[in-house]
Full PDB file with SEQRES, HELIX, SHEET, SSBOND, CRYST1, ORIGX, SCALE, CONECT and MASTER records, all heavy atoms in Angstrom:
SEQRES   1 A   39  ASP ALA HIS GLU ASN ALA SER GLU ALA GLY ARG PRO HIS          
SEQRES   2 A   39  GLN ARG GLY PRO PHE LEU LYS GLY ALA ARG THR SER ALA          
SEQRES   3 A   39  GLN GLY LEU ASP LEU ASN ARG ASP TYR ALA ARG LEU GLN          
HELIX    1 AA1 LEU A   31  ARG A   33  5                                   3    
CRYST1    1.000    1.000    1.000  90.00  90.00  90.00 P 1           1          
ORIGX1      1.000000  0.000000  0.000000        0.00000                         
ORIGX2      0.000000  1.000000  0.000000        0.00000                         
ORIGX3      0.000000  0.000000  1.000000        0.00000                         
SCALE1      1.000000  0.000000  0.000000        0.00000                         
SCALE2      0.000000  1.000000  0.000000        0.00000                         
SCALE3      0.000000  0.000000  1.000000        0.00000                         
ATOM      1  N   ASP A   1     182.945  56.700 194.222  1.00  0.00           N  
ATOM      2  CA  ASP A   1     183.775  56.329 195.375  1.00  0.00           C  
ATOM      3  C   ASP A   1     184.058  57.549 196.245  1.00  0.00           C  
ATOM      4  O   ASP A   1     183.951  57.492 197.474  1.00  0.00           O  
ATOM      5  CB  ASP A   1     185.098  55.711 194.909  1.00  0.00           C  
ATOM      6  CG  ASP A   1     184.902  54.427 194.118  1.00  0.00           C  
ATOM      7  OD1 ASP A   1     183.840  53.791 194.264  1.00  0.00           O  
ATOM      8  OD2 ASP A   1     185.819  54.068 193.351  1.00  0.00           O  
ATOM      9  N   ALA A   2     184.430  58.656 195.615  1.00  0.00           N  
ATOM     10  CA  ALA A   2     184.687  59.887 196.367  1.00  0.00           C  
ATOM     11  C   ALA A   2     183.405  60.440 196.982  1.00  0.00           C  
ATOM     12  O   ALA A   2     183.428  61.049 198.055  1.00  0.00           O  
ATOM     13  CB  ALA A   2     185.319  60.929 195.456  1.00  0.00           C  
ATOM     14  N   HIS A   3     182.275  60.209 196.319  1.00  0.00           N  
ATOM     15  CA  HIS A   3     180.982  60.654 196.853  1.00  0.00           C  
ATOM     16  C   HIS A   3     180.704  59.990 198.194  1.00  0.00           C  
ATOM     17  O   HIS A   3     180.147  60.614 199.109  1.00  0.00           O  
ATOM     18  CB  HIS A   3     179.885  60.300 195.847  1.00  0.00           C  
ATOM     19  CG  HIS A   3     178.532  60.819 196.197  1.00  0.00           C  
ATOM     20  ND1 HIS A   3     177.654  60.144 197.025  1.00  0.00           N  
ATOM     21  CD2 HIS A   3     177.868  61.953 195.819  1.00  0.00           C  
ATOM     22  CE1 HIS A   3     176.531  60.823 197.141  1.00  0.00           C  
ATOM     23  NE2 HIS A   3     176.632  61.936 196.419  1.00  0.00           N  
ATOM     24  N   GLU A   4     181.085  58.725 198.338  1.00  0.00           N  
ATOM     25  CA  GLU A   4     180.858  58.002 199.592  1.00  0.00           C  
ATOM     26  C   GLU A   4     181.914  58.333 200.642  1.00  0.00           C  
ATOM     27  O   GLU A   4     181.759  57.975 201.807  1.00  0.00           O  
ATOM     28  CB  GLU A   4     180.809  56.503 199.325  1.00  0.00           C  
ATOM     29  CG  GLU A   4     179.651  56.103 198.426  1.00  0.00           C  
ATOM     30  CD  GLU A   4     178.319  56.676 198.928  1.00  0.00           C  
ATOM     31  OE1 GLU A   4     177.721  56.080 199.848  1.00  0.00           O  
ATOM     32  OE2 GLU A   4     177.885  57.732 198.403  1.00  0.00           O  
ATOM     33  N   ASN A   5     182.985  59.001 200.251  1.00  0.00           N  
ATOM     34  CA  ASN A   5     183.990  59.490 201.191  1.00  0.00           C  
ATOM     35  C   ASN A   5     183.580  60.888 201.648  1.00  0.00           C  
ATOM     36  O   ASN A   5     184.284  61.873 201.456  1.00  0.00           O  
ATOM     37  CB  ASN A   5     185.369  59.518 200.522  1.00  0.00           C  
ATOM     38  CG  ASN A   5     186.472  59.978 201.441  1.00  0.00           C  
ATOM     39  OD1 ASN A   5     186.320  59.943 202.665  1.00  0.00           O  
ATOM     40  ND2 ASN A   5     187.569  60.417 200.863  1.00  0.00           N  
ATOM     41  N   ALA A   6     182.376  60.968 202.248  1.00  0.00           N  
ATOM     42  CA  ALA A   6     181.776  62.257 202.581  1.00  0.00           C  
ATOM     43  C   ALA A   6     182.039  62.618 204.036  1.00  0.00           C  
ATOM     44  O   ALA A   6     182.173  61.747 204.901  1.00  0.00           O  
ATOM     45  CB  ALA A   6     180.274  62.219 202.318  1.00  0.00           C  
ATOM     46  N   SER A   7     182.089  63.929 204.273  1.00  0.00           N  
ATOM     47  CA  SER A   7     182.405  64.408 205.607  1.00  0.00           C  
ATOM     48  C   SER A   7     181.882  65.824 205.779  1.00  0.00           C  
ATOM     49  O   SER A   7     181.735  66.572 204.805  1.00  0.00           O  
ATOM     50  CB  SER A   7     183.923  64.393 205.827  1.00  0.00           C  
ATOM     51  OG  SER A   7     184.293  65.117 206.981  1.00  0.00           O  
ATOM     52  N   GLU A   8     181.610  66.197 207.042  1.00  0.00           N  
ATOM     53  CA  GLU A   8     181.284  67.591 207.335  1.00  0.00           C  
ATOM     54  C   GLU A   8     182.465  68.504 207.009  1.00  0.00           C  
ATOM     55  O   GLU A   8     182.284  69.692 206.730  1.00  0.00           O  
ATOM     56  CB  GLU A   8     180.934  67.753 208.812  1.00  0.00           C  
ATOM     57  CG  GLU A   8     179.676  67.029 209.256  1.00  0.00           C  
ATOM     58  CD  GLU A   8     179.429  67.200 210.745  1.00  0.00           C  
ATOM     59  OE1 GLU A   8     179.511  68.361 211.222  1.00  0.00           O  
ATOM     60  OE2 GLU A   8     179.180  66.189 211.427  1.00  0.00           O  
ATOM     61  N   ALA A   9     183.674  67.953 207.060  1.00  0.00           N  
ATOM     62  CA  ALA A   9     184.877  68.756 206.842  1.00  0.00           C  
ATOM     63  C   ALA A   9     185.175  68.979 205.364  1.00  0.00           C  
ATOM     64  O   ALA A   9     186.084  69.741 205.026  1.00  0.00           O  
ATOM     65  CB  ALA A   9     186.082  68.080 207.502  1.00  0.00           C  
ATOM     66  N   GLY A  10     184.440  68.319 204.482  1.00  0.00           N  
ATOM     67  CA  GLY A  10     184.699  68.484 203.063  1.00  0.00           C  
ATOM     68  C   GLY A  10     184.345  69.883 202.592  1.00  0.00           C  
ATOM     69  O   GLY A  10     183.305  70.437 202.966  1.00  0.00           O  
ATOM     70  N   ARG A  11     185.206  70.501 201.779  1.00  0.00           N  
ATOM     71  CA  ARG A  11     184.978  71.832 201.213  1.00  0.00           C  
ATOM     72  C   ARG A  11     184.419  72.786 202.274  1.00  0.00           C  
ATOM     73  O   ARG A  11     183.253  73.197 202.201  1.00  0.00           O  
ATOM     74  CB  ARG A  11     184.050  71.741 200.005  1.00  0.00           C  
ATOM     75  CG  ARG A  11     184.686  71.040 198.820  1.00  0.00           C  
ATOM     76  CD  ARG A  11     183.740  70.894 197.636  1.00  0.00           C  
ATOM     77  NE  ARG A  11     183.336  72.160 197.079  1.00  0.00           N  
ATOM     78  CZ  ARG A  11     184.037  72.881 196.195  1.00  0.00           C  
ATOM     79  NH1 ARG A  11     185.230  72.444 195.778  1.00  0.00           N  
ATOM     80  NH2 ARG A  11     183.571  74.020 195.719  1.00  0.00           N  
ATOM     81  N   PRO A  12     185.236  73.186 203.260  1.00  0.00           N  
ATOM     82  CA  PRO A  12     184.724  73.984 204.386  1.00  0.00           C  
ATOM     83  C   PRO A  12     184.195  75.358 203.995  1.00  0.00           C  
ATOM     84  O   PRO A  12     183.426  75.959 204.740  1.00  0.00           O  
ATOM     85  CB  PRO A  12     185.951  74.108 205.302  1.00  0.00           C  
ATOM     86  CG  PRO A  12     187.129  73.875 204.412  1.00  0.00           C  
ATOM     87  CD  PRO A  12     186.666  72.881 203.387  1.00  0.00           C  
ATOM     88  N   HIS A  13     184.574  75.857 202.823  1.00  0.00           N  
ATOM     89  CA  HIS A  13     184.104  77.156 202.370  1.00  0.00           C  
ATOM     90  C   HIS A  13     182.732  77.082 201.708  1.00  0.00           C  
ATOM     91  O   HIS A  13     182.109  78.108 201.442  1.00  0.00           O  
ATOM     92  CB  HIS A  13     185.101  77.741 201.361  1.00  0.00           C  
ATOM     93  CG  HIS A  13     185.330  76.844 200.187  1.00  0.00           C  
ATOM     94  ND1 HIS A  13     186.052  75.672 200.281  1.00  0.00           N  
ATOM     95  CD2 HIS A  13     184.933  76.929 198.897  1.00  0.00           C  
ATOM     96  CE1 HIS A  13     186.090  75.086 199.094  1.00  0.00           C  
ATOM     97  NE2 HIS A  13     185.406  75.817 198.242  1.00  0.00           N  
ATOM     98  N   GLN A  14     182.252  75.877 201.409  1.00  0.00           N  
ATOM     99  CA  GLN A  14     181.027  75.714 200.618  1.00  0.00           C  
ATOM    100  C   GLN A  14     179.803  75.643 201.520  1.00  0.00           C  
ATOM    101  O   GLN A  14     179.789  74.900 202.500  1.00  0.00           O  
ATOM    102  CB  GLN A  14     181.138  74.439 199.776  1.00  0.00           C  
ATOM    103  CG  GLN A  14     179.926  74.163 198.893  1.00  0.00           C  
ATOM    104  CD  GLN A  14     180.134  72.947 198.016  1.00  0.00           C  
ATOM    105  OE1 GLN A  14     181.048  72.904 197.214  1.00  0.00           O  
ATOM    106  NE2 GLN A  14     179.285  71.933 198.176  1.00  0.00           N  
ATOM    107  N   ARG A  15     178.748  76.371 201.146  1.00  0.00           N  
ATOM    108  CA  ARG A  15     177.511  76.417 201.930  1.00  0.00           C  
ATOM    109  C   ARG A  15     176.590  75.272 201.521  1.00  0.00           C  
ATOM    110  O   ARG A  15     175.750  75.412 200.639  1.00  0.00           O  
ATOM    111  CB  ARG A  15     176.811  77.755 201.756  1.00  0.00           C  
ATOM    112  CG  ARG A  15     177.562  78.924 202.367  1.00  0.00           C  
ATOM    113  CD  ARG A  15     176.781  80.211 202.233  1.00  0.00           C  
ATOM    114  NE  ARG A  15     175.537  80.197 203.002  1.00  0.00           N  
ATOM    115  CZ  ARG A  15     174.655  81.203 203.016  1.00  0.00           C  
ATOM    116  NH1 ARG A  15     174.887  82.288 202.291  1.00  0.00           N  
ATOM    117  NH2 ARG A  15     173.556  81.123 203.734  1.00  0.00           N  
ATOM    118  N   GLY A  16     176.761  74.147 202.134  1.00  0.00           N  
ATOM    119  CA  GLY A  16     175.896  72.995 201.920  1.00  0.00           C  
ATOM    120  C   GLY A  16     176.277  72.176 200.710  1.00  0.00           C  
ATOM    121  O   GLY A  16     176.996  72.636 199.842  1.00  0.00           O  
ATOM    122  N   PRO A  17     175.794  70.922 200.735  1.00  0.00           N  
ATOM    123  CA  PRO A  17     174.969  70.281 201.756  1.00  0.00           C  
ATOM    124  C   PRO A  17     175.781  69.923 203.004  1.00  0.00           C  
ATOM    125  O   PRO A  17     176.975  70.202 203.063  1.00  0.00           O  
ATOM    126  CB  PRO A  17     174.458  69.030 201.052  1.00  0.00           C  
ATOM    127  CG  PRO A  17     175.548  68.689 200.073  1.00  0.00           C  
ATOM    128  CD  PRO A  17     176.086  70.019 199.604  1.00  0.00           C  
ATOM    129  N   PHE A  18     175.139  69.280 203.972  1.00  0.00           N  
ATOM    130  CA  PHE A  18     175.773  69.032 205.258  1.00  0.00           C  
ATOM    131  C   PHE A  18     177.025  68.167 205.107  1.00  0.00           C  
ATOM    132  O   PHE A  18     178.083  68.484 205.665  1.00  0.00           O  
ATOM    133  CB  PHE A  18     174.766  68.359 206.196  1.00  0.00           C  
ATOM    134  CG  PHE A  18     175.323  68.050 207.556  1.00  0.00           C  
ATOM    135  CD1 PHE A  18     175.675  69.084 208.417  1.00  0.00           C  
ATOM    136  CD2 PHE A  18     175.487  66.745 207.990  1.00  0.00           C  
ATOM    137  CE1 PHE A  18     176.192  68.815 209.686  1.00  0.00           C  
ATOM    138  CE2 PHE A  18     176.003  66.465 209.241  1.00  0.00           C  
ATOM    139  CZ  PHE A  18     176.354  67.503 210.094  1.00  0.00           C  
ATOM    140  N   LEU A  19     176.917  67.065 204.392  1.00  0.00           N  
ATOM    141  CA  LEU A  19     178.061  66.194 204.117  1.00  0.00           C  
ATOM    142  C   LEU A  19     178.501  66.393 202.672  1.00  0.00           C  
ATOM    143  O   LEU A  19     177.667  66.432 201.770  1.00  0.00           O  
ATOM    144  CB  LEU A  19     177.700  64.721 204.343  1.00  0.00           C  
ATOM    145  CG  LEU A  19     177.274  64.322 205.753  1.00  0.00           C  
ATOM    146  CD1 LEU A  19     176.858  62.854 205.784  1.00  0.00           C  
ATOM    147  CD2 LEU A  19     178.392  64.578 206.751  1.00  0.00           C  
ATOM    148  N   LYS A  20     179.799  66.482 202.470  1.00  0.00           N  
ATOM    149  CA  LYS A  20     180.326  66.706 201.117  1.00  0.00           C  
ATOM    150  C   LYS A  20     181.407  65.675 200.817  1.00  0.00           C  
ATOM    151  O   LYS A  20     182.263  65.396 201.649  1.00  0.00           O  
ATOM    152  CB  LYS A  20     180.883  68.131 200.989  1.00  0.00           C  
ATOM    153  CG  LYS A  20     179.813  69.207 201.185  1.00  0.00           C  
ATOM    154  CD  LYS A  20     180.379  70.592 201.112  1.00  0.00           C  
ATOM    155  CE  LYS A  20     180.812  71.164 202.415  1.00  0.00           C  
ATOM    156  NZ  LYS A  20     179.897  71.226 203.498  1.00  0.00           N  
ATOM    157  N   GLY A  21     181.332  65.116 199.620  1.00  0.00           N  
ATOM    158  CA  GLY A  21     182.304  64.116 199.206  1.00  0.00           C  
ATOM    159  C   GLY A  21     183.656  64.725 198.886  1.00  0.00           C  
ATOM    160  O   GLY A  21     183.872  65.935 199.024  1.00  0.00           O  
ATOM    161  N   ALA A  22     184.564  63.876 198.437  1.00  0.00           N  
ATOM    162  CA  ALA A  22     185.936  64.296 198.148  1.00  0.00           C  
ATOM    163  C   ALA A  22     186.069  64.733 196.694  1.00  0.00           C  
ATOM    164  O   ALA A  22     185.247  64.399 195.846  1.00  0.00           O  
ATOM    165  CB  ALA A  22     186.906  63.157 198.431  1.00  0.00           C  
ATOM    166  N   ARG A  23     187.123  65.475 196.424  1.00  0.00           N  
ATOM    167  CA  ARG A  23     187.380  65.923 195.057  1.00  0.00           C  
ATOM    168  C   ARG A  23     187.986  64.802 194.212  1.00  0.00           C  
ATOM    169  O   ARG A  23     187.585  64.586 193.072  1.00  0.00           O  
ATOM    170  CB  ARG A  23     188.319  67.129 195.068  1.00  0.00           C  
ATOM    171  CG  ARG A  23     188.651  67.663 193.668  1.00  0.00           C  
ATOM    172  CD  ARG A  23     189.615  68.840 193.743  1.00  0.00           C  
ATOM    173  NE  ARG A  23     189.950  69.355 192.434  1.00  0.00           N  
ATOM    174  CZ  ARG A  23     189.301  70.330 191.816  1.00  0.00           C  
ATOM    175  NH1 ARG A  23     188.251  70.880 192.398  1.00  0.00           N  
ATOM    176  NH2 ARG A  23     189.668  70.756 190.623  1.00  0.00           N  
ATOM    177  N   THR A  24     188.961  64.115 194.766  1.00  0.00           N  
ATOM    178  CA  THR A  24     189.679  63.112 193.979  1.00  0.00           C  
ATOM    179  C   THR A  24     189.047  61.736 194.150  1.00  0.00           C  
ATOM    180  O   THR A  24     188.390  61.437 195.154  1.00  0.00           O  
ATOM    181  CB  THR A  24     191.163  63.055 194.368  1.00  0.00           C  
ATOM    182  OG1 THR A  24     191.277  62.757 195.766  1.00  0.00           O  
ATOM    183  CG2 THR A  24     191.842  64.376 194.086  1.00  0.00           C  
ATOM    184  N   SER A  25     189.287  60.886 193.167  1.00  0.00           N  
ATOM    185  CA  SER A  25     188.712  59.547 193.150  1.00  0.00           C  
ATOM    186  C   SER A  25     189.468  58.629 194.101  1.00  0.00           C  
ATOM    187  O   SER A  25     190.468  59.013 194.721  1.00  0.00           O  
ATOM    188  CB  SER A  25     188.774  58.980 191.734  1.00  0.00           C  
ATOM    189  OG  SER A  25     190.121  58.655 191.402  1.00  0.00           O  
ATOM    190  N   ALA A  26     189.003  57.384 194.206  1.00  0.00           N  
ATOM    191  CA  ALA A  26     189.681  56.401 195.054  1.00  0.00           C  
ATOM    192  C   ALA A  26     191.093  56.106 194.552  1.00  0.00           C  
ATOM    193  O   ALA A  26     191.933  55.637 195.319  1.00  0.00           O  
ATOM    194  CB  ALA A  26     188.867  55.109 195.113  1.00  0.00           C  
ATOM    195  N   GLN A  27     191.368  56.395 193.285  1.00  0.00           N  
ATOM    196  CA  GLN A  27     192.726  56.271 192.755  1.00  0.00           C  
ATOM    197  C   GLN A  27     193.599  57.466 193.098  1.00  0.00           C  
ATOM    198  O   GLN A  27     194.793  57.454 192.821  1.00  0.00           O  
ATOM    199  CB  GLN A  27     192.695  56.151 191.218  1.00  0.00           C  
ATOM    200  CG  GLN A  27     192.278  54.812 190.662  1.00  0.00           C  
ATOM    201  CD  GLN A  27     192.180  54.868 189.155  1.00  0.00           C  
ATOM    202  OE1 GLN A  27     191.159  55.276 188.610  1.00  0.00           O  
ATOM    203  NE2 GLN A  27     193.231  54.453 188.476  1.00  0.00           N  
ATOM    204  N   GLY A  28     192.998  58.504 193.676  1.00  0.00           N  
ATOM    205  CA  GLY A  28     193.726  59.733 193.926  1.00  0.00           C  
ATOM    206  C   GLY A  28     193.815  60.621 192.707  1.00  0.00           C  
ATOM    207  O   GLY A  28     194.691  61.486 192.624  1.00  0.00           O  
ATOM    208  N   LEU A  29     192.884  60.443 191.750  1.00  0.00           N  
ATOM    209  CA  LEU A  29     192.894  61.217 190.511  1.00  0.00           C  
ATOM    210  C   LEU A  29     191.831  62.306 190.553  1.00  0.00           C  
ATOM    211  O   LEU A  29     190.738  62.106 191.086  1.00  0.00           O  
ATOM    212  CB  LEU A  29     192.619  60.305 189.307  1.00  0.00           C  
ATOM    213  CG  LEU A  29     193.622  59.196 189.018  1.00  0.00           C  
ATOM    214  CD1 LEU A  29     193.140  58.359 187.837  1.00  0.00           C  
ATOM    215  CD2 LEU A  29     194.999  59.767 188.744  1.00  0.00           C  
ATOM    216  N   ASP A  30     192.147  63.433 189.965  1.00  0.00           N  
ATOM    217  CA  ASP A  30     191.142  64.442 189.655  1.00  0.00           C  
ATOM    218  C   ASP A  30     190.519  64.025 188.321  1.00  0.00           C  
ATOM    219  O   ASP A  30     191.160  64.115 187.275  1.00  0.00           O  
ATOM    220  CB  ASP A  30     191.790  65.822 189.546  1.00  0.00           C  
ATOM    221  CG  ASP A  30     190.764  66.934 189.329  1.00  0.00           C  
ATOM    222  OD1 ASP A  30     189.689  66.657 188.766  1.00  0.00           O  
ATOM    223  OD2 ASP A  30     191.058  68.080 189.702  1.00  0.00           O  
ATOM    224  N   LEU A  31     189.286  63.554 188.365  1.00  0.00           N  
ATOM    225  CA  LEU A  31     188.679  62.994 187.148  1.00  0.00           C  
ATOM    226  C   LEU A  31     188.498  64.041 186.061  1.00  0.00           C  
ATOM    227  O   LEU A  31     188.450  63.688 184.879  1.00  0.00           O  
ATOM    228  CB  LEU A  31     187.337  62.330 187.480  1.00  0.00           C  
ATOM    229  CG  LEU A  31     187.392  61.139 188.445  1.00  0.00           C  
ATOM    230  CD1 LEU A  31     186.039  60.463 188.511  1.00  0.00           C  
ATOM    231  CD2 LEU A  31     188.472  60.142 188.048  1.00  0.00           C  
ATOM    232  N   ASN A  32     188.401  65.309 186.440  1.00  0.00           N  
ATOM    233  CA  ASN A  32     188.308  66.341 185.406  1.00  0.00           C  
ATOM    234  C   ASN A  32     189.687  66.790 184.923  1.00  0.00           C  
ATOM    235  O   ASN A  32     189.856  67.906 184.438  1.00  0.00           O  
ATOM    236  CB  ASN A  32     187.510  67.550 185.879  1.00  0.00           C  
ATOM    237  CG  ASN A  32     187.008  68.379 184.712  1.00  0.00           C  
ATOM    238  OD1 ASN A  32     186.784  67.866 183.613  1.00  0.00           O  
ATOM    239  ND2 ASN A  32     186.841  69.681 184.927  1.00  0.00           N  
ATOM    240  N   ARG A  33     190.652  65.922 185.034  1.00  0.00           N  
ATOM    241  CA  ARG A  33     191.956  66.083 184.388  1.00  0.00           C  
ATOM    242  C   ARG A  33     192.332  64.800 183.650  1.00  0.00           C  
ATOM    243  O   ARG A  33     193.464  64.638 183.210  1.00  0.00           O  
ATOM    244  CB  ARG A  33     193.059  66.394 185.421  1.00  0.00           C  
ATOM    245  CG  ARG A  33     192.797  67.580 186.329  1.00  0.00           C  
ATOM    246  CD  ARG A  33     192.746  68.886 185.571  1.00  0.00           C  
ATOM    247  NE  ARG A  33     192.602  70.020 186.493  1.00  0.00           N  
ATOM    248  CZ  ARG A  33     191.444  70.484 186.938  1.00  0.00           C  
ATOM    249  NH1 ARG A  33     190.303  69.922 186.558  1.00  0.00           N  
ATOM    250  NH2 ARG A  33     191.396  71.524 187.759  1.00  0.00           N  
ATOM    251  N   ASP A  34     191.357  63.901 183.479  1.00  0.00           N  
ATOM    252  CA  ASP A  34     191.667  62.550 182.994  1.00  0.00           C  
ATOM    253  C   ASP A  34     191.093  62.239 181.624  1.00  0.00           C  
ATOM    254  O   ASP A  34     191.195  61.114 181.144  1.00  0.00           O  
ATOM    255  CB  ASP A  34     191.150  61.513 184.013  1.00  0.00           C  
ATOM    256  CG  ASP A  34     191.691  60.121 183.749  1.00  0.00           C  
ATOM    257  OD1 ASP A  34     192.907  59.995 183.509  1.00  0.00           O  
ATOM    258  OD2 ASP A  34     190.895  59.161 183.758  1.00  0.00           O  
ATOM    259  N   TYR A  35     190.498  63.213 180.948  1.00  0.00           N  
ATOM    260  CA  TYR A  35     189.838  62.898 179.684  1.00  0.00           C  
ATOM    261  C   TYR A  35     190.826  62.494 178.595  1.00  0.00           C  
ATOM    262  O   TYR A  35     190.499  61.680 177.735  1.00  0.00           O  
ATOM    263  CB  TYR A  35     188.986  64.078 179.218  1.00  0.00           C  
ATOM    264  CG  TYR A  35     187.653  64.141 179.911  1.00  0.00           C  
ATOM    265  CD1 TYR A  35     187.540  64.667 181.196  1.00  0.00           C  
ATOM    266  CD2 TYR A  35     186.495  63.668 179.308  1.00  0.00           C  
ATOM    267  CE1 TYR A  35     186.321  64.729 181.843  1.00  0.00           C  
ATOM    268  CE2 TYR A  35     185.274  63.722 179.943  1.00  0.00           C  
ATOM    269  CZ  TYR A  35     185.190  64.254 181.219  1.00  0.00           C  
ATOM    270  OH  TYR A  35     183.979  64.303 181.864  1.00  0.00           O  
ATOM    271  N   ALA A  36     192.014  63.034 178.592  1.00  0.00           N  
ATOM    272  CA  ALA A  36     193.003  62.621 177.602  1.00  0.00           C  
ATOM    273  C   ALA A  36     193.650  61.301 177.989  1.00  0.00           C  
ATOM    274  O   ALA A  36     193.843  60.413 177.165  1.00  0.00           O  
ATOM    275  CB  ALA A  36     194.066  63.708 177.428  1.00  0.00           C  
ATOM    276  N   ARG A  37     193.985  61.142 179.263  1.00  0.00           N  
ATOM    277  CA  ARG A  37     194.734  59.963 179.712  1.00  0.00           C  
ATOM    278  C   ARG A  37     193.868  58.715 179.829  1.00  0.00           C  
ATOM    279  O   ARG A  37     194.336  57.609 179.594  1.00  0.00           O  
ATOM    280  CB  ARG A  37     195.381  60.240 181.073  1.00  0.00           C  
ATOM    281  CG  ARG A  37     196.415  61.340 181.053  1.00  0.00           C  
ATOM    282  CD  ARG A  37     196.984  61.559 182.447  1.00  0.00           C  
ATOM    283  NE  ARG A  37     195.933  61.910 183.415  1.00  0.00           N  
ATOM    284  CZ  ARG A  37     196.169  62.151 184.699  1.00  0.00           C  
ATOM    285  NH1 ARG A  37     197.395  62.052 185.177  1.00  0.00           N  
ATOM    286  NH2 ARG A  37     195.177  62.480 185.509  1.00  0.00           N  
ATOM    287  N   LEU A  38     192.625  58.884 180.278  1.00  0.00           N  
ATOM    288  CA  LEU A  38     191.715  57.756 180.545  1.00  0.00           C  
ATOM    289  C   LEU A  38     192.344  56.746 181.497  1.00  0.00           C  
ATOM    290  O   LEU A  38     192.258  55.537 181.298  1.00  0.00           O  
ATOM    291  CB  LEU A  38     191.298  57.062 179.234  1.00  0.00           C  
ATOM    292  CG  LEU A  38     190.550  57.919 178.208  1.00  0.00           C  
ATOM    293  CD1 LEU A  38     190.078  57.065 177.041  1.00  0.00           C  
ATOM    294  CD2 LEU A  38     189.373  58.653 178.846  1.00  0.00           C  
ATOM    295  N   GLN A  39     192.930  57.235 182.578  1.00  0.00           N  
ATOM    296  CA  GLN A  39     193.501  56.340 183.575  1.00  0.00           C  
ATOM    297  C   GLN A  39     192.463  55.849 184.577  1.00  0.00           C  
ATOM    298  O   GLN A  39     192.711  54.890 185.302  1.00  0.00           O  
ATOM    299  CB  GLN A  39     194.629  57.054 184.327  1.00  0.00           C  
ATOM    300  CG  GLN A  39     195.862  57.311 183.464  1.00  0.00           C  
ATOM    301  CD  GLN A  39     196.997  57.934 184.244  1.00  0.00           C  
ATOM    302  OE1 GLN A  39     196.767  58.683 185.195  1.00  0.00           O  
ATOM    303  NE2 GLN A  39     198.206  57.633 183.853  1.00  0.00           N  
TER     304      GLN A  39                                                      
MASTER        0    0    0    1    0    0    0    6  303    1    0    3          
END                                                                             
């Protein structure tokens, strides 16, 4: 879901690719903080 929320403005410090998705999921979660909770 966050992958499809892509924009040129995503991660402005990162060199490519042209469009970059979002960090957090459609739930507003950082998925790499969810392994214990499984929300």
